[in-house]
């Protein structure tokens, strides 16, 4: 499907950058929210306006909702879409190439959010969504339709990601 004067419809994709795999949206989100904040700390003062001390910059956050519907096929929506999406928030299993789990791997994978354009290394102008590489902080799933046997066939997933590039990525607590 394409819109007159535009190319084919691009699907939002979450790409696992640390291991192979990706989750492709069945339906694109109707909106997404990209936030950037800084931390400030008020100090005690005698006046109405306390002085503020800059504490640092927080990572950007990206929030979006994805809708999945497998009613027509009768397929379990959790197995087909929700499970693979939730795996992006789980600690990675041992590396299949080595069979070992390195200390750096004891964390969820980094994820690139791609929607249109040439991918995570492509030109910024090629993306509909601003370039975003981070980690999945949360996936909240609401199941809204079931077959008579209890199989879930519709779900909406609210996803929150924190920006984290390779240079700022660390395992464990800050030192």
N, C-alpha and C. Protein backbone atom coordinates (compact mmCIF):
# COMPACT_ATOMS: atom_id res chain seq x y z
N UNK A 1 0.85 -1.18 0.00
CA UNK A 1 0.00 0.00 0.00
C UNK A 1 0.88 1.23 0.00
N UNK A 2 0.52 2.24 -0.76
CA UNK A 2 1.28 3.49 -0.76
C UNK A 2 0.32 4.67 -0.87
N UNK A 3 0.80 5.79 -0.39
CA UNK A 3 0.04 7.03 -0.45
C UNK A 3 0.49 7.75 -1.71
N UNK A 4 -0.44 8.37 -2.42
CA UNK A 4 -0.11 9.04 -3.67
C UNK A 4 1.07 9.99 -3.47
N UNK A 5 2.10 9.81 -4.28
CA UNK A 5 3.28 10.66 -4.20
C UNK A 5 4.30 10.19 -3.18
N UNK A 6 4.03 9.09 -2.48
CA UNK A 6 4.94 8.56 -1.48
C UNK A 6 5.21 7.09 -1.78
N UNK A 7 6.22 6.53 -1.13
CA UNK A 7 6.55 5.13 -1.31
C UNK A 7 5.60 4.23 -0.54
N UNK A 8 5.95 2.95 -0.45
CA UNK A 8 5.10 2.00 0.27
C UNK A 8 5.06 2.30 1.77
N UNK A 9 4.03 1.81 2.43
CA UNK A 9 3.87 2.01 3.86
C UNK A 9 4.99 1.30 4.61
N UNK A 10 5.72 2.03 5.43
CA UNK A 10 6.80 1.48 6.24
C UNK A 10 6.25 1.07 7.59
N UNK A 11 6.67 -0.06 8.11
CA UNK A 11 6.25 -0.53 9.43
C UNK A 11 7.32 -0.17 10.45
N UNK A 12 6.87 0.29 11.62
CA UNK A 12 7.80 0.56 12.71
C UNK A 12 8.43 -0.77 13.12
N UNK A 13 9.75 -0.75 13.33
CA UNK A 13 10.48 -1.96 13.67
C UNK A 13 11.40 -1.70 14.85
N UNK A 14 11.41 -2.62 15.80
CA UNK A 14 12.34 -2.59 16.93
C UNK A 14 13.41 -3.64 16.62
N UNK A 15 14.66 -3.17 16.42
CA UNK A 15 15.75 -4.05 16.01
C UNK A 15 16.66 -4.32 17.20
N UNK A 16 16.91 -5.59 17.51
CA UNK A 16 17.83 -5.97 18.57
C UNK A 16 19.25 -5.76 18.03
N UNK A 17 20.00 -4.82 18.63
CA UNK A 17 21.33 -4.50 18.14
C UNK A 17 22.42 -5.41 18.71
N UNK A 18 22.11 -6.14 19.76
CA UNK A 18 23.11 -7.00 20.39
C UNK A 18 23.01 -8.45 19.94
N UNK A 19 21.89 -8.86 19.48
CA UNK A 19 21.66 -10.20 18.95
C UNK A 19 20.78 -10.05 17.72
N UNK A 20 20.68 -11.09 16.94
CA UNK A 20 19.82 -10.98 15.77
C UNK A 20 18.36 -10.97 16.22
N UNK A 21 17.54 -10.38 15.43
CA UNK A 21 16.12 -10.38 15.71
C UNK A 21 15.52 -8.99 15.66
N UNK A 22 14.24 -8.97 15.40
CA UNK A 22 13.50 -7.71 15.35
C UNK A 22 12.02 -8.00 15.57
N UNK A 23 11.31 -6.96 15.99
CA UNK A 23 9.86 -7.03 16.14
C UNK A 23 9.28 -5.98 15.21
N UNK A 24 8.45 -6.40 14.27
CA UNK A 24 7.82 -5.50 13.32
C UNK A 24 6.39 -5.26 13.77
N UNK A 25 6.01 -3.99 13.84
CA UNK A 25 4.64 -3.64 14.25
C UNK A 25 3.65 -4.20 13.24
N UNK A 26 2.57 -4.79 13.73
CA UNK A 26 1.51 -5.23 12.84
C UNK A 26 0.79 -4.01 12.29
N UNK A 27 0.54 -3.04 13.17
CA UNK A 27 -0.06 -1.76 12.79
C UNK A 27 0.83 -0.66 13.37
N UNK A 28 1.12 0.36 12.58
CA UNK A 28 1.95 1.46 13.07
C UNK A 28 1.22 2.22 14.17
N UNK A 29 1.99 2.81 15.10
CA UNK A 29 1.35 3.60 16.16
C UNK A 29 0.71 4.84 15.58
N UNK A 30 -0.36 5.31 16.22
CA UNK A 30 -1.00 6.54 15.76
C UNK A 30 -0.23 7.76 16.24
N UNK A 31 0.60 7.59 17.29
CA UNK A 31 1.41 8.68 17.83
C UNK A 31 2.54 8.09 18.65
N UNK A 32 3.55 8.90 18.91
CA UNK A 32 4.60 8.52 19.84
C UNK A 32 5.02 9.77 20.58
N UNK A 33 5.59 9.56 21.75
CA UNK A 33 6.01 10.70 22.57
C UNK A 33 7.49 10.57 22.85
N UNK A 34 8.24 11.62 22.54
CA UNK A 34 9.69 11.67 22.75
C UNK A 34 9.96 12.77 23.75
N UNK A 35 10.52 12.42 24.92
CA UNK A 35 10.75 13.39 25.99
C UNK A 35 12.23 13.54 26.27
N UNK A 36 12.62 14.74 26.66
CA UNK A 36 13.99 15.04 27.12
C UNK A 36 13.86 15.92 28.35
N UNK A 37 14.57 15.58 29.41
CA UNK A 37 14.46 16.35 30.65
C UNK A 37 15.84 16.53 31.27
N UNK A 38 15.94 17.53 32.11
CA UNK A 38 17.14 17.79 32.90
C UNK A 38 16.73 17.76 34.37
N UNK A 39 17.67 17.38 35.23
CA UNK A 39 17.40 17.33 36.67
C UNK A 39 17.90 18.60 37.35
N UNK A 40 17.03 19.19 38.15
CA UNK A 40 17.35 20.40 38.91
C UNK A 40 17.00 20.14 40.37
N UNK A 41 17.78 20.71 41.25
CA UNK A 41 17.52 20.54 42.68
C UNK A 41 17.34 21.90 43.33
N UNK A 42 16.19 22.15 43.96
CA UNK A 42 16.01 23.43 44.64
C UNK A 42 16.80 23.45 45.95
N UNK A 43 17.35 24.62 46.26
CA UNK A 43 18.05 24.79 47.53
C UNK A 43 17.22 25.72 48.40
N UNK A 44 17.33 25.52 49.68
CA UNK A 44 16.54 26.31 50.62
C UNK A 44 16.86 27.79 50.48
N UNK A 45 15.82 28.59 50.51
CA UNK A 45 16.01 30.05 50.47
C UNK A 45 14.91 30.69 51.29
N UNK A 46 15.11 31.93 51.65
CA UNK A 46 14.13 32.64 52.46
C UNK A 46 13.02 33.23 51.60
N UNK A 47 13.25 33.36 50.33
CA UNK A 47 12.26 33.97 49.45
C UNK A 47 11.28 32.95 48.89
N UNK A 48 10.41 33.44 48.01
CA UNK A 48 9.42 32.58 47.38
C UNK A 48 10.02 31.71 46.28
N UNK A 49 11.13 32.12 45.73
CA UNK A 49 11.75 31.41 44.63
C UNK A 49 13.08 30.79 45.07
N UNK A 50 13.12 29.46 45.33
CA UNK A 50 14.39 28.85 45.72
C UNK A 50 15.37 28.85 44.55
N UNK A 51 16.66 28.86 44.86
CA UNK A 51 17.68 28.76 43.82
C UNK A 51 17.70 27.32 43.32
N UNK A 52 17.98 27.17 42.05
CA UNK A 52 18.04 25.85 41.44
C UNK A 52 19.47 25.50 41.10
N UNK A 53 19.86 24.26 41.37
CA UNK A 53 21.19 23.76 41.02
C UNK A 53 21.01 22.66 39.99
N UNK A 54 21.72 22.79 38.88
CA UNK A 54 21.64 21.80 37.80
C UNK A 54 22.31 20.51 38.26
N UNK A 55 21.59 19.39 38.16
CA UNK A 55 22.10 18.09 38.60
C UNK A 55 22.60 17.24 37.43
N UNK A 56 22.10 17.48 36.25
CA UNK A 56 22.53 16.69 35.09
C UNK A 56 21.39 16.48 34.11
N UNK A 57 21.76 15.88 33.00
CA UNK A 57 20.80 15.63 31.93
C UNK A 57 20.32 14.19 32.02
N UNK A 58 19.05 13.98 31.79
CA UNK A 58 18.47 12.64 31.77
C UNK A 58 18.40 12.15 30.33
N UNK A 59 18.40 10.83 30.12
CA UNK A 59 18.28 10.33 28.75
C UNK A 59 16.89 10.64 28.18
N UNK A 60 16.82 10.72 26.85
CA UNK A 60 15.51 10.87 26.22
C UNK A 60 14.70 9.60 26.48
N UNK A 61 13.40 9.75 26.52
CA UNK A 61 12.52 8.59 26.60
C UNK A 61 11.58 8.61 25.39
N UNK A 62 11.26 7.44 24.91
CA UNK A 62 10.33 7.28 23.80
C UNK A 62 9.20 6.39 24.29
N UNK A 63 7.97 6.86 24.14
CA UNK A 63 6.80 6.08 24.54
C UNK A 63 5.87 5.93 23.34
N UNK A 64 5.38 4.72 23.15
CA UNK A 64 4.45 4.46 22.05
C UNK A 64 3.58 3.27 22.39
N UNK A 65 2.48 3.15 21.68
CA UNK A 65 1.57 2.01 21.83
C UNK A 65 1.49 1.27 20.51
N UNK A 66 1.55 -0.05 20.60
CA UNK A 66 1.38 -0.89 19.43
C UNK A 66 0.16 -1.79 19.64
N UNK A 67 -0.64 -1.92 18.59
CA UNK A 67 -1.86 -2.73 18.62
C UNK A 67 -1.61 -3.98 17.78
N UNK A 68 -1.99 -5.13 18.33
CA UNK A 68 -1.83 -6.41 17.63
C UNK A 68 -3.17 -7.14 17.61
N UNK A 69 -3.51 -7.72 16.45
CA UNK A 69 -4.80 -8.39 16.28
C UNK A 69 -4.60 -9.65 15.44
N UNK A 70 -4.84 -10.81 16.05
CA UNK A 70 -4.73 -12.08 15.33
C UNK A 70 -6.07 -12.81 15.27
N UNK A 71 -7.16 -12.07 15.44
CA UNK A 71 -8.49 -12.69 15.47
C UNK A 71 -8.77 -13.48 14.18
N UNK A 72 -8.44 -12.89 13.04
CA UNK A 72 -8.76 -13.54 11.76
C UNK A 72 -8.05 -14.88 11.59
N UNK A 73 -6.83 -15.01 12.11
CA UNK A 73 -6.08 -16.26 11.96
C UNK A 73 -6.27 -17.19 13.15
N UNK A 74 -6.75 -16.65 14.29
CA UNK A 74 -6.92 -17.45 15.49
C UNK A 74 -5.62 -17.73 16.22
N UNK A 75 -4.54 -17.14 15.74
CA UNK A 75 -3.22 -17.34 16.34
C UNK A 75 -3.15 -16.65 17.70
N UNK A 76 -2.38 -17.21 18.62
CA UNK A 76 -2.18 -16.61 19.95
C UNK A 76 -1.38 -15.32 19.79
N UNK A 77 -1.98 -14.18 20.12
CA UNK A 77 -1.34 -12.88 19.94
C UNK A 77 -0.10 -12.75 20.82
N UNK A 78 -0.11 -13.42 21.97
CA UNK A 78 1.06 -13.35 22.85
C UNK A 78 2.25 -14.05 22.20
N UNK A 79 2.04 -15.27 21.71
CA UNK A 79 3.13 -16.01 21.07
C UNK A 79 3.65 -15.29 19.84
N UNK A 80 2.76 -14.77 19.03
CA UNK A 80 3.15 -14.17 17.75
C UNK A 80 3.81 -12.80 17.89
N UNK A 81 3.29 -11.94 18.76
CA UNK A 81 3.77 -10.56 18.83
C UNK A 81 4.25 -10.12 20.22
N UNK A 82 3.43 -10.35 21.24
CA UNK A 82 3.74 -9.79 22.56
C UNK A 82 4.97 -10.43 23.19
N UNK A 83 5.08 -11.75 23.13
CA UNK A 83 6.24 -12.45 23.69
C UNK A 83 7.57 -11.94 23.13
N UNK A 84 7.73 -11.91 21.79
CA UNK A 84 8.97 -11.38 21.23
C UNK A 84 9.24 -9.93 21.63
N UNK A 85 8.19 -9.13 21.76
CA UNK A 85 8.36 -7.74 22.19
C UNK A 85 8.85 -7.70 23.64
N UNK A 86 8.26 -8.50 24.52
CA UNK A 86 8.67 -8.53 25.92
C UNK A 86 10.10 -9.05 26.09
N UNK A 87 10.55 -9.92 25.19
CA UNK A 87 11.92 -10.43 25.26
C UNK A 87 12.95 -9.31 25.14
N UNK A 88 12.58 -8.20 24.50
CA UNK A 88 13.51 -7.08 24.38
C UNK A 88 13.76 -6.38 25.72
N UNK A 89 12.97 -6.71 26.74
CA UNK A 89 13.17 -6.15 28.08
C UNK A 89 13.81 -7.15 29.03
N UNK A 90 14.15 -8.35 28.54
CA UNK A 90 14.71 -9.40 29.39
C UNK A 90 16.22 -9.47 29.24
N UNK A 91 16.89 -10.00 30.29
CA UNK A 91 18.33 -10.23 30.23
C UNK A 91 18.59 -11.23 29.10
N UNK A 92 19.61 -10.94 28.29
CA UNK A 92 19.90 -11.78 27.14
C UNK A 92 20.37 -13.16 27.57
N UNK A 93 19.95 -14.21 26.86
CA UNK A 93 20.46 -15.56 27.15
C UNK A 93 21.92 -15.66 26.71
N UNK A 94 22.61 -16.76 27.06
CA UNK A 94 24.01 -16.90 26.62
C UNK A 94 24.14 -16.75 25.11
N UNK A 95 25.27 -16.21 24.70
CA UNK A 95 25.56 -15.99 23.29
C UNK A 95 25.55 -17.34 22.56
N UNK A 96 24.70 -17.50 21.52
CA UNK A 96 24.63 -18.79 20.83
C UNK A 96 25.94 -19.17 20.15
N UNK A 97 26.76 -18.19 19.78
CA UNK A 97 28.02 -18.48 19.10
C UNK A 97 29.04 -19.09 20.06
N UNK A 98 29.04 -18.62 21.32
CA UNK A 98 30.04 -19.09 22.28
C UNK A 98 29.45 -19.99 23.35
N UNK A 99 28.12 -19.90 23.56
CA UNK A 99 27.48 -20.66 24.62
C UNK A 99 27.71 -20.05 25.99
N UNK A 100 28.43 -18.92 26.02
CA UNK A 100 28.73 -18.25 27.30
C UNK A 100 27.92 -16.97 27.41
N UNK A 101 27.78 -16.52 28.64
CA UNK A 101 27.13 -15.24 28.90
C UNK A 101 28.18 -14.31 29.50
N UNK A 102 28.67 -13.38 28.70
CA UNK A 102 29.65 -12.42 29.17
C UNK A 102 29.00 -11.46 30.14
N UNK A 103 29.81 -10.84 31.01
CA UNK A 103 29.28 -9.87 31.97
C UNK A 103 28.51 -8.77 31.25
N UNK A 104 29.01 -8.34 30.09
CA UNK A 104 28.35 -7.27 29.33
C UNK A 104 26.99 -7.71 28.81
N UNK A 105 26.78 -9.02 28.72
CA UNK A 105 25.51 -9.54 28.21
C UNK A 105 24.46 -9.71 29.29
N UNK A 106 24.79 -9.48 30.54
CA UNK A 106 23.83 -9.69 31.63
C UNK A 106 22.96 -8.46 31.79
N UNK A 107 22.24 -8.19 30.72
CA UNK A 107 21.37 -7.02 30.64
C UNK A 107 20.46 -7.22 29.44
N UNK A 108 19.38 -6.45 29.36
CA UNK A 108 18.57 -6.49 28.14
C UNK A 108 19.35 -5.89 26.96
N UNK A 109 18.96 -6.23 25.75
CA UNK A 109 19.69 -5.73 24.58
C UNK A 109 19.41 -4.26 24.29
N UNK A 110 20.35 -3.65 23.57
CA UNK A 110 20.10 -2.32 23.00
C UNK A 110 19.18 -2.51 21.81
N UNK A 111 18.31 -1.53 21.59
CA UNK A 111 17.28 -1.63 20.56
C UNK A 111 17.30 -0.36 19.72
N UNK A 112 17.23 -0.51 18.41
CA UNK A 112 17.05 0.63 17.51
C UNK A 112 15.58 0.67 17.11
N UNK A 113 15.00 1.85 17.18
CA UNK A 113 13.61 2.02 16.76
C UNK A 113 13.66 2.65 15.37
N UNK A 114 13.16 1.92 14.39
CA UNK A 114 13.24 2.35 13.00
C UNK A 114 11.82 2.50 12.45
N UNK A 115 11.57 3.62 11.80
CA UNK A 115 10.28 3.80 11.14
C UNK A 115 10.54 4.60 9.88
N UNK A 116 10.73 3.89 8.79
CA UNK A 116 11.06 4.53 7.52
C UNK A 116 12.55 4.78 7.42
N UNK A 117 13.03 5.11 6.25
CA UNK A 117 14.44 5.43 6.08
C UNK A 117 15.29 4.19 5.89
N UNK A 118 16.60 4.41 6.00
CA UNK A 118 17.56 3.37 5.67
C UNK A 118 18.03 2.54 6.85
N UNK A 119 17.54 2.74 8.05
CA UNK A 119 17.97 1.95 9.20
C UNK A 119 18.80 2.77 10.16
N UNK A 120 19.35 2.10 11.22
CA UNK A 120 20.01 2.84 12.29
C UNK A 120 21.25 3.58 11.84
N UNK A 121 21.94 3.12 10.80
CA UNK A 121 23.14 3.81 10.35
C UNK A 121 22.88 4.77 9.21
N UNK A 122 21.66 4.87 8.77
CA UNK A 122 21.31 5.68 7.61
C UNK A 122 21.28 7.16 7.93
N UNK A 123 21.09 7.97 6.92
CA UNK A 123 21.04 9.41 7.13
C UNK A 123 19.85 9.82 7.97
N UNK A 124 20.04 10.84 8.81
CA UNK A 124 18.97 11.30 9.69
C UNK A 124 17.74 11.71 8.89
N UNK A 125 17.94 12.25 7.71
CA UNK A 125 16.82 12.67 6.89
C UNK A 125 15.99 11.52 6.36
N UNK A 126 16.53 10.28 6.46
CA UNK A 126 15.82 9.12 5.95
C UNK A 126 14.83 8.53 6.93
N UNK A 127 14.76 9.08 8.13
CA UNK A 127 13.87 8.54 9.16
C UNK A 127 12.65 9.40 9.33
N UNK A 128 11.50 8.76 9.47
CA UNK A 128 10.29 9.47 9.84
C UNK A 128 10.31 9.74 11.33
N UNK A 129 10.80 8.76 12.08
CA UNK A 129 10.97 8.89 13.52
C UNK A 129 12.40 9.34 13.78
N UNK A 130 12.62 10.30 14.68
CA UNK A 130 14.01 10.69 14.97
C UNK A 130 14.82 9.47 15.39
N UNK A 131 16.09 9.43 14.99
CA UNK A 131 16.97 8.30 15.32
C UNK A 131 16.91 8.05 16.82
N UNK A 132 16.65 6.80 17.21
CA UNK A 132 16.55 6.46 18.63
C UNK A 132 17.13 5.08 18.87
N UNK A 133 18.18 5.04 19.69
CA UNK A 133 18.78 3.78 20.13
C UNK A 133 18.73 3.78 21.64
N UNK A 134 18.21 2.71 22.20
CA UNK A 134 18.09 2.67 23.65
C UNK A 134 17.79 1.28 24.16
N UNK A 135 17.17 1.23 25.33
CA UNK A 135 16.78 -0.04 25.95
C UNK A 135 15.30 0.04 26.30
N UNK A 136 14.66 -1.11 26.30
CA UNK A 136 13.25 -1.16 26.68
C UNK A 136 13.18 -1.09 28.21
N UNK A 137 12.52 -0.06 28.71
CA UNK A 137 12.34 0.08 30.15
C UNK A 137 11.11 -0.70 30.61
N UNK A 138 10.04 -0.66 29.81
CA UNK A 138 8.83 -1.39 30.20
C UNK A 138 7.96 -1.69 28.99
N UNK A 139 7.21 -2.79 29.13
CA UNK A 139 6.17 -3.17 28.17
C UNK A 139 4.94 -3.51 29.00
N UNK A 140 3.90 -2.71 28.89
CA UNK A 140 2.65 -2.96 29.61
C UNK A 140 1.62 -3.42 28.58
N UNK A 141 1.08 -4.61 28.78
CA UNK A 141 0.19 -5.22 27.80
C UNK A 141 -1.22 -5.35 28.34
N UNK A 142 -2.18 -4.94 27.50
CA UNK A 142 -3.60 -5.10 27.82
C UNK A 142 -4.19 -6.03 26.76
N UNK A 143 -4.67 -7.19 27.19
CA UNK A 143 -5.32 -8.15 26.29
C UNK A 143 -6.81 -7.81 26.25
N UNK A 144 -7.36 -7.66 25.04
CA UNK A 144 -8.72 -7.14 24.93
C UNK A 144 -9.70 -8.05 24.19
N UNK A 145 -9.25 -9.16 23.63
CA UNK A 145 -10.18 -10.08 22.97
C UNK A 145 -9.62 -11.50 23.07
N UNK A 146 -10.56 -12.44 23.28
CA UNK A 146 -10.17 -13.83 23.47
C UNK A 146 -11.08 -14.74 22.67
N UNK A 147 -10.54 -15.86 22.22
CA UNK A 147 -11.35 -16.90 21.59
C UNK A 147 -12.08 -17.68 22.68
N UNK A 148 -13.11 -18.47 22.32
CA UNK A 148 -13.84 -19.24 23.34
C UNK A 148 -12.94 -20.14 24.20
N UNK A 149 -11.80 -20.59 23.64
CA UNK A 149 -10.91 -21.45 24.43
C UNK A 149 -9.94 -20.66 25.31
N UNK A 150 -10.07 -19.32 25.31
CA UNK A 150 -9.22 -18.49 26.16
C UNK A 150 -7.99 -17.94 25.48
N UNK A 151 -7.76 -18.28 24.22
CA UNK A 151 -6.60 -17.77 23.50
C UNK A 151 -6.76 -16.27 23.27
N UNK A 152 -5.75 -15.51 23.69
CA UNK A 152 -5.76 -14.06 23.48
C UNK A 152 -5.49 -13.76 22.01
N UNK A 153 -6.33 -12.91 21.39
CA UNK A 153 -6.17 -12.59 19.97
C UNK A 153 -6.07 -11.09 19.70
N UNK A 154 -6.19 -10.26 20.74
CA UNK A 154 -5.99 -8.82 20.58
C UNK A 154 -5.24 -8.30 21.79
N UNK A 155 -4.29 -7.41 21.52
CA UNK A 155 -3.51 -6.82 22.61
C UNK A 155 -3.02 -5.45 22.21
N UNK A 156 -2.91 -4.59 23.20
CA UNK A 156 -2.28 -3.28 23.03
C UNK A 156 -1.10 -3.24 23.99
N UNK A 157 0.07 -2.89 23.47
CA UNK A 157 1.29 -2.83 24.27
C UNK A 157 1.77 -1.39 24.36
N UNK A 158 1.88 -0.88 25.59
CA UNK A 158 2.47 0.44 25.84
C UNK A 158 3.95 0.19 26.13
N UNK A 159 4.81 0.79 25.31
CA UNK A 159 6.25 0.53 25.39
C UNK A 159 6.96 1.82 25.77
N UNK A 160 7.90 1.71 26.70
CA UNK A 160 8.72 2.86 27.09
C UNK A 160 10.18 2.47 26.93
N UNK A 161 10.93 3.30 26.21
CA UNK A 161 12.35 3.05 25.99
C UNK A 161 13.16 4.22 26.54
N UNK A 162 14.37 3.91 27.03
CA UNK A 162 15.32 4.92 27.49
C UNK A 162 16.48 4.96 26.50
N UNK A 163 16.88 6.15 26.12
CA UNK A 163 18.00 6.29 25.19
C UNK A 163 19.29 5.83 25.84
N UNK A 164 20.07 5.04 25.12
CA UNK A 164 21.35 4.54 25.64
C UNK A 164 22.22 4.15 24.45
N UNK A 165 23.23 4.96 24.16
CA UNK A 165 24.15 4.56 23.10
C UNK A 165 25.25 3.69 23.71
N UNK A 166 26.06 3.09 22.87
CA UNK A 166 27.10 2.16 23.32
C UNK A 166 28.06 2.82 24.31
N UNK A 167 28.42 4.07 24.09
CA UNK A 167 29.39 4.75 24.95
C UNK A 167 28.86 4.94 26.36
N UNK A 168 27.55 5.08 26.52
CA UNK A 168 26.99 5.34 27.84
C UNK A 168 26.43 4.09 28.51
N UNK A 169 26.63 2.94 27.89
CA UNK A 169 26.03 1.71 28.39
C UNK A 169 26.95 1.04 29.38
N UNK A 170 26.43 0.73 30.57
CA UNK A 170 27.21 0.09 31.61
C UNK A 170 26.34 -0.93 32.33
N UNK A 171 26.95 -2.03 32.74
CA UNK A 171 26.24 -3.06 33.49
C UNK A 171 26.39 -2.76 34.97
N UNK A 172 25.31 -2.92 35.74
CA UNK A 172 25.38 -2.73 37.18
C UNK A 172 25.20 -1.29 37.60
N UNK A 173 25.45 -1.04 38.87
CA UNK A 173 25.26 0.30 39.44
C UNK A 173 26.40 1.22 39.05
N UNK A 174 26.14 2.54 38.97
CA UNK A 174 27.20 3.48 38.67
C UNK A 174 28.24 3.48 39.77
N UNK A 175 29.47 3.79 39.38
CA UNK A 175 30.57 3.80 40.37
C UNK A 175 30.86 5.18 40.85
